[in-house]
Amino acid sequence: MRYETTVPTSADPGNVWATWIDVEHWPDWTESVTSAERLDSGEFGVGSRARIKQPAMRPMVWTVIEAQPGRSFVWEARTAGTQLVAGHFLETGPSNTLNIRLSIDHSGLLAGLLGRIVGDRIRTYLRMEGEGVKRHAEARSAR
């Protein structure tokens, strides 16, 4: 199962990236995350890990599996017989606009069942995160 949202932004790409990699402050700008903790230190990139808690969901440990600093990162988590792969992408849209694209791929034996149970919540959280990072990064850009 795949979920995706795209949000146009006027923010400087560096501010979107800085917002994303400051994982422990995600609860400050999106209500889709109640707590976030980096489980390592140093530069954010492949191998970086974080424990993320979202409303009405169990905490999950996410591990970065792909990263293009300043442009994108993809991380994965496993829970209840499923694998989740979440992408965070900065892309150029029509007329050179900047788009924030977020995606979740949900796979595994129980993905279909869990998708029917939590699919609407996943869509809502993606929209909340997209709008939240947009607001936060645009505010940083206006300073």
C-alpha atoms as a PDB file:
ATOM      1  CA  MET A   1       0.000   0.000   0.000  1.00  0.00           C
ATOM      2  CA  ARG A   2       1.271   3.466  -0.858  1.00  0.00           C
ATOM      3  CA  TYR A   3       0.306   6.825   0.592  1.00  0.00           C
ATOM      4  CA  GLU A   4       1.611  10.141  -0.684  1.00  0.00           C
ATOM      5  CA  THR A   5       1.110  13.878  -0.375  1.00  0.00           C
ATOM      6  CA  THR A   6       2.724  16.866  -2.079  1.00  0.00           C
ATOM      7  CA  VAL A   7       2.757  20.384  -0.638  1.00  0.00           C
ATOM      8  CA  PRO A   8       4.088  23.397  -2.577  1.00  0.00           C
ATOM      9  CA  THR A   9       6.249  25.775  -0.561  1.00  0.00           C
ATOM     10  CA  SER A  10       8.002  29.112  -0.922  1.00  0.00           C
ATOM     11  CA  ALA A  11      10.568  28.132   1.721  1.00  0.00           C
ATOM     12  CA  ASP A  12      14.264  28.031   1.042  1.00  0.00           C
ATOM     13  CA  PRO A  13      15.187  24.357   0.423  1.00  0.00           C
ATOM     14  CA  GLY A  14      17.894  24.586   3.091  1.00  0.00           C
ATOM     15  CA  ASN A  15      15.272  25.514   5.671  1.00  0.00           C
ATOM     16  CA  VAL A  16      13.080  22.543   4.751  1.00  0.00           C
ATOM     17  CA  TRP A  17      16.098  20.250   5.045  1.00  0.00           C
ATOM     18  CA  ALA A  18      17.170  21.803   8.376  1.00  0.00           C
ATOM     19  CA  THR A  19      13.644  21.301   9.718  1.00  0.00           C
ATOM     20  CA  TRP A  20      13.568  17.650   8.660  1.00  0.00           C
ATOM     21  CA  ILE A  21      16.944  16.649  10.063  1.00  0.00           C
ATOM     22  CA  ASP A  22      16.244  18.307  13.422  1.00  0.00           C
ATOM     23  CA  VAL A  23      14.168  15.225  14.250  1.00  0.00           C
ATOM     24  CA  GLU A  24      13.851  15.870  17.979  1.00  0.00           C
ATOM     25  CA  HIS A  25      11.929  19.102  17.268  1.00  0.00           C
ATOM     26  CA  TRP A  26       9.317  17.561  14.981  1.00  0.00           C
ATOM     27  CA  PRO A  27       6.681  17.719  17.767  1.00  0.00           C
ATOM     28  CA  ASP A  28       7.159  21.521  17.722  1.00  0.00           C
ATOM     29  CA  TRP A  29       5.819  21.873  14.181  1.00  0.00           C
ATOM     30  CA  THR A  30       3.522  18.900  13.537  1.00  0.00           C
ATOM     31  CA  GLU A  31       0.765  17.429  15.668  1.00  0.00           C
ATOM     32  CA  SER A  32       1.335  14.116  13.880  1.00  0.00           C
ATOM     33  CA  VAL A  33       4.358  13.480  16.134  1.00  0.00           C
ATOM     34  CA  THR A  34       4.058  13.510  19.932  1.00  0.00           C
ATOM     35  CA  SER A  35       7.701  12.671  20.659  1.00  0.00           C
ATOM     36  CA  ALA A  36      10.892  12.144  18.681  1.00  0.00           C
ATOM     37  CA  GLU A  37      14.303  11.051  19.880  1.00  0.00           C
ATOM     38  CA  ARG A  38      17.507  10.620  17.876  1.00  0.00           C
ATOM     39  CA  LEU A  39      19.121   7.348  18.882  1.00  0.00           C
ATOM     40  CA  ASP A  40      22.552   8.343  17.596  1.00  0.00           C
ATOM     41  CA  SER A  41      24.608  11.482  17.204  1.00  0.00           C
ATOM     42  CA  GLY A  42      26.467  13.124  14.395  1.00  0.00           C
ATOM     43  CA  GLU A  43      25.436  14.026  10.898  1.00  0.00           C
ATOM     44  CA  PHE A  44      21.980  12.896   9.818  1.00  0.00           C
ATOM     45  CA  GLY A  45      22.278  10.355   7.015  1.00  0.00           C
ATOM     46  CA  VAL A  46      22.257   6.675   6.118  1.00  0.00           C
ATOM     47  CA  GLY A  47      22.196   4.644   9.320  1.00  0.00           C
ATOM     48  CA  SER A  48      20.756   7.461  11.479  1.00  0.00           C
ATOM     49  CA  ARG A  49      18.004   6.221  13.768  1.00  0.00           C
ATOM     50  CA  ALA A  50      15.132   7.866  15.635  1.00  0.00           C
ATOM     51  CA  ARG A  51      12.278   6.715  17.850  1.00  0.00           C
ATOM     52  CA  ILE A  52       9.071   8.423  16.741  1.00  0.00           C
ATOM     53  CA  LYS A  53       5.781   8.354  18.667  1.00  0.00           C
ATOM     54  CA  GLN A  54       2.603   9.373  16.889  1.00  0.00           C
ATOM     55  CA  PRO A  55      -0.871   9.828  18.384  1.00  0.00           C
ATOM     56  CA  ALA A  56      -2.787   6.550  18.740  1.00  0.00           C
ATOM     57  CA  MET A  57       0.190   4.540  17.454  1.00  0.00           C
ATOM     58  CA  ARG A  58       3.022   2.629  19.067  1.00  0.00           C
ATOM     59  CA  PRO A  59       6.494   4.180  19.055  1.00  0.00           C
ATOM     60  CA  MET A  60       8.581   3.006  16.109  1.00  0.00           C
ATOM     61  CA  VAL A  61      12.304   3.103  15.474  1.00  0.00           C
ATOM     62  CA  TRP A  62      13.085   4.506  12.026  1.00  0.00           C
ATOM     63  CA  THR A  63      16.440   3.941  10.294  1.00  0.00           C
ATOM     64  CA  VAL A  64      17.608   6.074   7.355  1.00  0.00           C
ATOM     65  CA  ILE A  65      18.299   3.813   4.358  1.00  0.00           C
ATOM     66  CA  GLU A  66      18.856   6.485   1.674  1.00  0.00           C
ATOM     67  CA  ALA A  67      19.908  10.113   1.888  1.00  0.00           C
ATOM     68  CA  GLN A  68      20.778  12.911  -0.495  1.00  0.00           C
ATOM     69  CA  PRO A  69      21.715  15.740   1.885  1.00  0.00           C
ATOM     70  CA  GLY A  70      19.704  18.857   1.236  1.00  0.00           C
ATOM     71  CA  ARG A  71      17.279  16.990  -1.037  1.00  0.00           C
ATOM     72  CA  SER A  72      15.808  13.791   0.374  1.00  0.00           C
ATOM     73  CA  PHE A  73      15.917  10.972   2.836  1.00  0.00           C
ATOM     74  CA  VAL A  74      14.117   7.662   3.121  1.00  0.00           C
ATOM     75  CA  TRP A  75      13.799   5.693   6.323  1.00  0.00           C
ATOM     76  CA  GLU A  76      12.198   2.436   7.326  1.00  0.00           C
ATOM     77  CA  ALA A  77      10.551   0.899  10.372  1.00  0.00           C
ATOM     78  CA  ARG A  78       9.091  -2.519  11.106  1.00  0.00           C
ATOM     79  CA  THR A  79       6.084  -3.220  13.281  1.00  0.00           C
ATOM     80  CA  ALA A  80       3.379  -5.876  13.642  1.00  0.00           C
ATOM     81  CA  GLY A  81       4.465  -7.979  10.671  1.00  0.00           C
ATOM     82  CA  THR A  82       4.813  -5.006   8.343  1.00  0.00           C
ATOM     83  CA  GLN A  83       7.522  -2.771   6.961  1.00  0.00           C
ATOM     84  CA  LEU A  84       7.010   0.947   6.485  1.00  0.00           C
ATOM     85  CA  VAL A  85       9.256   2.955   4.197  1.00  0.00           C
ATOM     86  CA  ALA A  86       8.802   6.730   4.445  1.00  0.00           C
ATOM     87  CA  GLY A  87      10.221   9.161   1.909  1.00  0.00           C
ATOM     88  CA  HIS A  88      10.888  12.863   2.391  1.00  0.00           C
ATOM     89  CA  PHE A  89      11.649  14.638  -0.899  1.00  0.00           C
ATOM     90  CA  LEU A  90      12.266  18.202  -2.082  1.00  0.00           C
ATOM     91  CA  GLU A  91      11.368  18.457  -5.756  1.00  0.00           C
ATOM     92  CA  THR A  92      11.080  21.172  -8.359  1.00  0.00           C
ATOM     93  CA  GLY A  93       7.549  21.450  -9.674  1.00  0.00           C
ATOM     94  CA  PRO A  94       5.991  23.357 -12.572  1.00  0.00           C
ATOM     95  CA  SER A  95       7.249  26.922 -12.998  1.00  0.00           C
ATOM     96  CA  ASN A  96      10.233  26.085 -10.756  1.00  0.00           C
ATOM     97  CA  THR A  97       8.120  25.898  -7.623  1.00  0.00           C
ATOM     98  CA  LEU A  98       9.480  23.844  -4.731  1.00  0.00           C
ATOM     99  CA  ASN A  99       7.403  20.882  -3.613  1.00  0.00           C
ATOM    100  CA  ILE A 100       7.618  18.890  -0.409  1.00  0.00           C
ATOM    101  CA  ARG A 101       6.655  15.299  -1.234  1.00  0.00           C
ATOM    102  CA  LEU A 102       6.080  12.745   1.499  1.00  0.00           C
ATOM    103  CA  SER A 103       5.346   9.076   0.946  1.00  0.00           C
ATOM    104  CA  ILE A 104       4.760   5.903   2.939  1.00  0.00           C
ATOM    105  CA  ASP A 105       4.985   2.429   1.463  1.00  0.00           C
ATOM    106  CA  HIS A 106       3.446  -0.226   3.692  1.00  0.00           C
ATOM    107  CA  SER A 107       4.285  -3.864   2.942  1.00  0.00           C
ATOM    108  CA  GLY A 108       4.368  -7.282   4.599  1.00  0.00           C
ATOM    109  CA  LEU A 109       1.969 -10.008   5.584  1.00  0.00           C
ATOM    110  CA  LEU A 110      -0.335  -7.762   7.599  1.00  0.00           C
ATOM    111  CA  ALA A 111      -0.004  -4.595   5.492  1.00  0.00           C
ATOM    112  CA  GLY A 112      -3.398  -4.979   3.821  1.00  0.00           C
ATOM    113  CA  LEU A 113      -5.227  -5.501   7.079  1.00  0.00           C
ATOM    114  CA  LEU A 114      -3.367  -2.737   8.909  1.00  0.00           C
ATOM    115  CA  GLY A 115      -3.812  -0.444   5.914  1.00  0.00           C
ATOM    116  CA  ARG A 116      -7.582  -0.793   6.210  1.00  0.00           C
ATOM    117  CA  ILE A 117      -7.378  -0.065   9.936  1.00  0.00           C
ATOM    118  CA  VAL A 118      -4.877   2.836   9.938  1.00  0.00           C
ATOM    119  CA  GLY A 119      -4.795   3.996   6.292  1.00  0.00           C
ATOM    120  CA  ASP A 120      -6.886   7.113   6.922  1.00  0.00           C
ATOM    121  CA  ARG A 121      -4.687   7.987   9.894  1.00  0.00           C
ATOM    122  CA  ILE A 122      -1.538   7.599   7.771  1.00  0.00           C
ATOM    123  CA  ARG A 123      -3.002   9.923   5.107  1.00  0.00           C
ATOM    124  CA  THR A 124      -3.934  12.472   7.773  1.00  0.00           C
ATOM    125  CA  TYR A 125      -0.486  12.341   9.388  1.00  0.00           C
ATOM    126  CA  LEU A 126       1.241  12.797   6.007  1.00  0.00           C
ATOM    127  CA  ARG A 127      -0.862  15.913   5.323  1.00  0.00           C
ATOM    128  CA  MET A 128      -0.179  17.241   8.828  1.00  0.00           C
ATOM    129  CA  GLU A 129       3.557  16.694   8.427  1.00  0.00           C
ATOM    130  CA  GLY A 130       3.629  18.284   4.964  1.00  0.00           C
ATOM    131  CA  GLU A 131       1.719  21.361   6.073  1.00  0.00           C
ATOM    132  CA  GLY A 132       3.719  21.588   9.302  1.00  0.00           C
ATOM    133  CA  VAL A 133       7.139  21.465   7.657  1.00  0.00           C
ATOM    134  CA  LYS A 134       5.937  24.009   5.088  1.00  0.00           C
ATOM    135  CA  ARG A 135       4.826  26.474   7.788  1.00  0.00           C
ATOM    136  CA  HIS A 136       7.958  25.975   9.887  1.00  0.00           C
ATOM    137  CA  ALA A 137      10.403  26.232   6.963  1.00  0.00           C
ATOM    138  CA  GLU A 138       8.621  29.242   5.478  1.00  0.00           C
ATOM    139  CA  ALA A 139       8.757  30.996   8.860  1.00  0.00           C
ATOM    140  CA  ARG A 140      12.515  30.274   9.036  1.00  0.00           C
ATOM    141  CA  SER A 141      12.927  31.644   5.506  1.00  0.00           C
ATOM    142  CA  ALA A 142      11.097  34.865   6.436  1.00  0.00           C
ATOM    143  CA  ARG A 143      13.570  35.637   9.258  1.00  0.00           C
END
